[in-house]
């Protein structure tokens, strides 16, 4: 998921350089959403991993 966020971010930067501000804003918003979803999933799985590890050992 972070890979897709990085791809959309790069598309946003390239579109911004060439003056396509509407496309740049759209892809930046998609990249931001994907990034925060990836961070949220990481935190959830980190917490689950720590709690399951403690209950097993």
PDB file of N, CA and C in Angstrom:
ATOM      1  N   UNK A   1       0.823  -1.184   0.000  1.00  0.00           N
ATOM      2  CA  UNK A   1       0.000   0.000   0.000  1.00  0.00           C
ATOM      3  C   UNK A   1       0.871   1.253   0.000  1.00  0.00           C
ATOM      4  N   UNK A   2       1.980   1.192   0.711  1.00  0.00           N
ATOM      5  CA  UNK A   2       2.875   2.345   0.692  1.00  0.00           C
ATOM      6  C   UNK A   2       3.472   2.544  -0.697  1.00  0.00           C
ATOM      7  N   UNK A   3       3.627   1.447  -1.439  1.00  0.00           N
ATOM      8  CA  UNK A   3       4.128   1.544  -2.804  1.00  0.00           C
ATOM      9  C   UNK A   3       3.173   2.376  -3.659  1.00  0.00           C
ATOM     10  N   UNK A   4       1.872   2.117  -3.532  1.00  0.00           N
ATOM     11  CA  UNK A   4       0.884   2.881  -4.297  1.00  0.00           C
ATOM     12  C   UNK A   4       0.843   4.332  -3.847  1.00  0.00           C
ATOM     13  N   UNK A   5       1.000   4.572  -2.551  1.00  0.00           N
ATOM     14  CA  UNK A   5       1.025   5.949  -2.055  1.00  0.00           C
ATOM     15  C   UNK A   5       2.209   6.704  -2.649  1.00  0.00           C
ATOM     16  N   UNK A   6       3.358   6.038  -2.730  1.00  0.00           N
ATOM     17  CA  UNK A   6       4.539   6.669  -3.315  1.00  0.00           C
ATOM     18  C   UNK A   6       4.337   6.927  -4.808  1.00  0.00           C
ATOM     19  N   UNK A   7       3.716   5.983  -5.520  1.00  0.00           N
ATOM     20  CA  UNK A   7       3.453   6.176  -6.946  1.00  0.00           C
ATOM     21  C   UNK A   7       2.527   7.372  -7.173  1.00  0.00           C
ATOM     22  N   UNK A   8       1.443   7.458  -6.397  1.00  0.00           N
ATOM     23  CA  UNK A   8       0.532   8.588  -6.558  1.00  0.00           C
ATOM     24  C   UNK A   8       1.194   9.899  -6.166  1.00  0.00           C
ATOM     25  N   UNK A   9       2.079   9.864  -5.173  1.00  0.00           N
ATOM     26  CA  UNK A   9       2.812  11.070  -4.790  1.00  0.00           C
ATOM     27  C   UNK A   9       3.720  11.538  -5.921  1.00  0.00           C
ATOM     28  N   UNK A  10       4.417  10.593  -6.549  1.00  0.00           N
ATOM     29  CA  UNK A  10       5.296  10.966  -7.657  1.00  0.00           C
ATOM     30  C   UNK A  10       4.497  11.504  -8.851  1.00  0.00           C
ATOM     31  N   UNK A  11       3.347  10.897  -9.127  1.00  0.00           N
ATOM     32  CA  UNK A  11       2.486  11.419 -10.192  1.00  0.00           C
ATOM     33  C   UNK A  11       2.035  12.834  -9.855  1.00  0.00           C
ATOM     34  N   UNK A  12       1.728  13.069  -8.604  1.00  0.00           N
ATOM     35  CA  UNK A  12       1.299  14.394  -8.162  1.00  0.00           C
ATOM     36  C   UNK A  12       2.408  15.427  -8.358  1.00  0.00           C
ATOM     37  N   UNK A  13       3.622  15.066  -7.987  1.00  0.00           N
ATOM     38  CA  UNK A  13       4.743  16.000  -8.136  1.00  0.00           C
ATOM     39  C   UNK A  13       5.002  16.294  -9.617  1.00  0.00           C
ATOM     40  N   UNK A  14       5.002  15.253 -10.436  1.00  0.00           N
ATOM     41  CA  UNK A  14       5.253  15.446 -11.866  1.00  0.00           C
ATOM     42  C   UNK A  14       4.143  16.286 -12.500  1.00  0.00           C
ATOM     43  N   UNK A  15       2.892  16.014 -12.142  1.00  0.00           N
ATOM     44  CA  UNK A  15       1.777  16.793 -12.685  1.00  0.00           C
ATOM     45  C   UNK A  15       1.863  18.247 -12.229  1.00  0.00           C
ATOM     46  N   UNK A  16       2.287  18.467 -11.002  1.00  0.00           N
ATOM     47  CA  UNK A  16       2.442  19.834 -10.506  1.00  0.00           C
ATOM     48  C   UNK A  16       3.535  20.599 -11.234  1.00  0.00           C
ATOM     49  N   UNK A  17       4.625  19.898 -11.555  1.00  0.00           N
ATOM     50  CA  UNK A  17       5.724  20.542 -12.281  1.00  0.00           C
ATOM     51  C   UNK A  17       5.266  20.976 -13.677  1.00  0.00           C
ATOM     52  N   UNK A  18       4.452  20.145 -14.317  1.00  0.00           N
ATOM     53  CA  UNK A  18       3.990  20.466 -15.667  1.00  0.00           C
ATOM     54  C   UNK A  18       2.756  21.370 -15.683  1.00  0.00           C
ATOM     55  N   UNK A  19       2.250  21.738 -14.517  1.00  0.00           N
ATOM     56  CA  UNK A  19       1.162  22.703 -14.449  1.00  0.00           C
ATOM     57  C   UNK A  19      -0.239  22.124 -14.396  1.00  0.00           C
ATOM     58  N   UNK A  20      -0.354  20.827 -14.267  1.00  0.00           N
ATOM     59  CA  UNK A  20      -1.672  20.197 -14.158  1.00  0.00           C
ATOM     60  C   UNK A  20      -2.079  20.164 -12.689  1.00  0.00           C
ATOM     61  N   UNK A  21      -2.526  21.306 -12.191  1.00  0.00           N
ATOM     62  CA  UNK A  21      -2.769  21.416 -10.747  1.00  0.00           C
ATOM     63  C   UNK A  21      -3.965  20.586 -10.292  1.00  0.00           C
ATOM     64  N   UNK A  22      -4.978  20.415 -11.136  1.00  0.00           N
ATOM     65  CA  UNK A  22      -6.136  19.608 -10.748  1.00  0.00           C
ATOM     66  C   UNK A  22      -5.762  18.148 -10.556  1.00  0.00           C
ATOM     67  N   UNK A  23      -4.979  17.629 -11.486  1.00  0.00           N
ATOM     68  CA  UNK A  23      -4.520  16.241 -11.383  1.00  0.00           C
ATOM     69  C   UNK A  23      -3.585  16.095 -10.194  1.00  0.00           C
ATOM     70  N   UNK A  24      -2.727  17.087  -9.995  1.00  0.00           N
ATOM     71  CA  UNK A  24      -1.781  17.035  -8.877  1.00  0.00           C
ATOM     72  C   UNK A  24      -2.514  16.997  -7.540  1.00  0.00           C
ATOM     73  N   UNK A  25      -3.553  17.797  -7.404  1.00  0.00           N
ATOM     74  CA  UNK A  25      -4.311  17.822  -6.152  1.00  0.00           C
ATOM     75  C   UNK A  25      -5.035  16.497  -5.929  1.00  0.00           C
ATOM     76  N   UNK A  26      -5.593  15.936  -6.985  1.00  0.00           N
ATOM     77  CA  UNK A  26      -6.309  14.661  -6.860  1.00  0.00           C
ATOM     78  C   UNK A  26      -5.396  13.523  -6.475  1.00  0.00           C
ATOM     79  N   UNK A  27      -4.253  13.433  -7.132  1.00  0.00           N
ATOM     80  CA  UNK A  27      -3.335  12.340  -6.814  1.00  0.00           C
ATOM     81  C   UNK A  27      -2.685  12.534  -5.449  1.00  0.00           C
ATOM     82  N   UNK A  28      -2.490  13.785  -5.049  1.00  0.00           N
ATOM     83  CA  UNK A  28      -1.944  14.031  -3.711  1.00  0.00           C
ATOM     84  C   UNK A  28      -2.938  13.585  -2.639  1.00  0.00           C
ATOM     85  N   UNK A  29      -4.203  13.816  -2.869  1.00  0.00           N
ATOM     86  CA  UNK A  29      -5.225  13.382  -1.907  1.00  0.00           C
ATOM     87  C   UNK A  29      -5.282  11.857  -1.830  1.00  0.00           C
ATOM     88  N   UNK A  30      -5.192  11.191  -2.969  1.00  0.00           N
ATOM     89  CA  UNK A  30      -5.187   9.722  -2.970  1.00  0.00           C
ATOM     90  C   UNK A  30      -3.968   9.196  -2.239  1.00  0.00           C
ATOM     91  N   UNK A  31      -2.809   9.799  -2.495  1.00  0.00           N
ATOM     92  CA  UNK A  31      -1.577   9.364  -1.826  1.00  0.00           C
ATOM     93  C   UNK A  31      -1.675   9.551  -0.317  1.00  0.00           C
ATOM     94  N   UNK A  32      -2.270  10.663   0.108  1.00  0.00           N
ATOM     95  CA  UNK A  32      -2.404  10.926   1.539  1.00  0.00           C
ATOM     96  C   UNK A  32      -3.314   9.895   2.213  1.00  0.00           C
ATOM     97  N   UNK A  33      -4.429   9.587   1.562  1.00  0.00           N
ATOM     98  CA  UNK A  33      -5.364   8.599   2.119  1.00  0.00           C
ATOM     99  C   UNK A  33      -4.705   7.230   2.211  1.00  0.00           C
ATOM    100  N   UNK A  34      -4.028   6.799   1.147  1.00  0.00           N
ATOM    101  CA  UNK A  34      -3.361   5.496   1.163  1.00  0.00           C
ATOM    102  C   UNK A  34      -2.268   5.432   2.225  1.00  0.00           C
ATOM    103  N   UNK A  35      -1.540   6.534   2.400  1.00  0.00           N
ATOM    104  CA  UNK A  35      -0.493   6.567   3.414  1.00  0.00           C
ATOM    105  C   UNK A  35      -1.068   6.401   4.814  1.00  0.00           C
ATOM    106  N   UNK A  36      -2.139   7.116   5.116  1.00  0.00           N
ATOM    107  CA  UNK A  36      -2.711   7.030   6.457  1.00  0.00           C
ATOM    108  C   UNK A  36      -3.384   5.683   6.706  1.00  0.00           C
ATOM    109  N   UNK A  37      -3.938   5.070   5.673  1.00  0.00           N
ATOM    110  CA  UNK A  37      -4.483   3.723   5.823  1.00  0.00           C
ATOM    111  C   UNK A  37      -3.357   2.739   6.130  1.00  0.00           C
ATOM    112  N   UNK A  38      -2.231   2.874   5.431  1.00  0.00           N
ATOM    113  CA  UNK A  38      -1.088   1.992   5.680  1.00  0.00           C
ATOM    114  C   UNK A  38      -0.542   2.177   7.092  1.00  0.00           C
ATOM    115  N   UNK A  39      -0.460   3.412   7.555  1.00  0.00           N
ATOM    116  CA  UNK A  39       0.030   3.666   8.917  1.00  0.00           C
ATOM    117  C   UNK A  39      -0.942   3.088   9.951  1.00  0.00           C
ATOM    118  N   UNK A  40      -2.234   3.256   9.723  1.00  0.00           N
ATOM    119  CA  UNK A  40      -3.228   2.722  10.656  1.00  0.00           C
ATOM    120  C   UNK A  40      -3.158   1.199  10.709  1.00  0.00           C
ATOM    121  N   UNK A  41      -3.029   0.558   9.553  1.00  0.00           N
ATOM    122  CA  UNK A  41      -2.904  -0.904   9.548  1.00  0.00           C
ATOM    123  C   UNK A  41      -1.636  -1.357  10.250  1.00  0.00           C
ATOM    124  N   UNK A  42      -0.546  -0.626  10.059  1.00  0.00           N
ATOM    125  CA  UNK A  42       0.703  -0.964  10.744  1.00  0.00           C
ATOM    126  C   UNK A  42       0.535  -0.903  12.257  1.00  0.00           C
ATOM    127  N   UNK A  43      -0.091   0.160  12.736  1.00  0.00           N
ATOM    128  CA  UNK A  43      -0.282   0.313  14.188  1.00  0.00           C
ATOM    129  C   UNK A  43      -1.197  -0.782  14.732  1.00  0.00           C
ATOM    130  N   UNK A  44      -2.269  -1.089  14.013  1.00  0.00           N
ATOM    131  CA  UNK A  44      -3.194  -2.138  14.454  1.00  0.00           C
ATOM    132  C   UNK A  44      -2.482  -3.476  14.539  1.00  0.00           C
ATOM    133  N   UNK A  45      -1.728  -3.839  13.497  1.00  0.00           N
ATOM    134  CA  UNK A  45      -1.038  -5.118  13.505  1.00  0.00           C
ATOM    135  C   UNK A  45       0.100  -5.147  14.522  1.00  0.00           C
ATOM    136  N   UNK A  46       0.723  -4.008  14.779  1.00  0.00           N
ATOM    137  CA  UNK A  46       1.753  -3.946  15.810  1.00  0.00           C
ATOM    138  C   UNK A  46       1.154  -4.216  17.183  1.00  0.00           C
ATOM    139  N   UNK A  47       0.036  -3.585  17.478  1.00  0.00           N
ATOM    140  CA  UNK A  47      -0.632  -3.799  18.768  1.00  0.00           C
ATOM    141  C   UNK A  47      -1.112  -5.246  18.891  1.00  0.00           C
ATOM    142  N   UNK A  48      -1.721  -5.761  17.823  1.00  0.00           N
ATOM    143  CA  UNK A  48      -2.176  -7.153  17.853  1.00  0.00           C
ATOM    144  C   UNK A  48      -1.011  -8.117  18.014  1.00  0.00           C
ATOM    145  N   UNK A  49       0.087  -7.842  17.341  1.00  0.00           N
ATOM    146  CA  UNK A  49       1.260  -8.701  17.452  1.00  0.00           C
ATOM    147  C   UNK A  49       1.835  -8.703  18.857  1.00  0.00           C
ATOM    148  N   UNK A  50       1.867  -7.555  19.489  1.00  0.00           N
ATOM    149  CA  UNK A  50       2.397  -7.489  20.849  1.00  0.00           C
ATOM    150  C   UNK A  50       1.482  -8.185  21.848  1.00  0.00           C
ATOM    151  N   UNK A  51       0.176  -8.035  21.695  1.00  0.00           N
ATOM    152  CA  UNK A  51      -0.742  -8.658  22.649  1.00  0.00           C
ATOM    153  C   UNK A  51      -0.833 -10.167  22.445  1.00  0.00           C
ATOM    154  N   UNK A  52      -0.806 -10.635  21.213  1.00  0.00           N
ATOM    155  CA  UNK A  52      -0.847 -12.073  20.956  1.00  0.00           C
ATOM    156  C   UNK A  52       0.446 -12.730  21.411  1.00  0.00           C
ATOM    157  N   UNK A  53       1.564 -12.045  21.194  1.00  0.00           N
ATOM    158  CA  UNK A  53       2.853 -12.582  21.626  1.00  0.00           C
ATOM    159  C   UNK A  53       2.883 -12.770  23.138  1.00  0.00           C
ATOM    160  N   UNK A  54       2.330 -11.820  23.874  1.00  0.00           N
ATOM    161  CA  UNK A  54       2.313 -11.920  25.327  1.00  0.00           C
ATOM    162  C   UNK A  54       1.395 -13.047  25.791  1.00  0.00           C
ATOM    163  N   UNK A  55       0.278 -13.266  25.096  1.00  0.00           N
ATOM    164  CA  UNK A  55      -0.652 -14.314  25.523  1.00  0.00           C
ATOM    165  C   UNK A  55      -0.137 -15.702  25.180  1.00  0.00           C
ATOM    166  N   UNK A  56       0.700 -15.825  24.163  1.00  0.00           N
ATOM    167  CA  UNK A  56       1.251 -17.139  23.796  1.00  0.00           C
ATOM    168  C   UNK A  56       2.368 -17.539  24.742  1.00  0.00           C
ATOM    169  N   UNK A  57       3.252 -16.600  25.083  1.00  0.00           N
ATOM    170  CA  UNK A  57       4.402 -16.951  25.928  1.00  0.00           C
ATOM    171  C   UNK A  57       4.131 -16.778  27.386  1.00  0.00           C
TER     172      UNK A  57
END
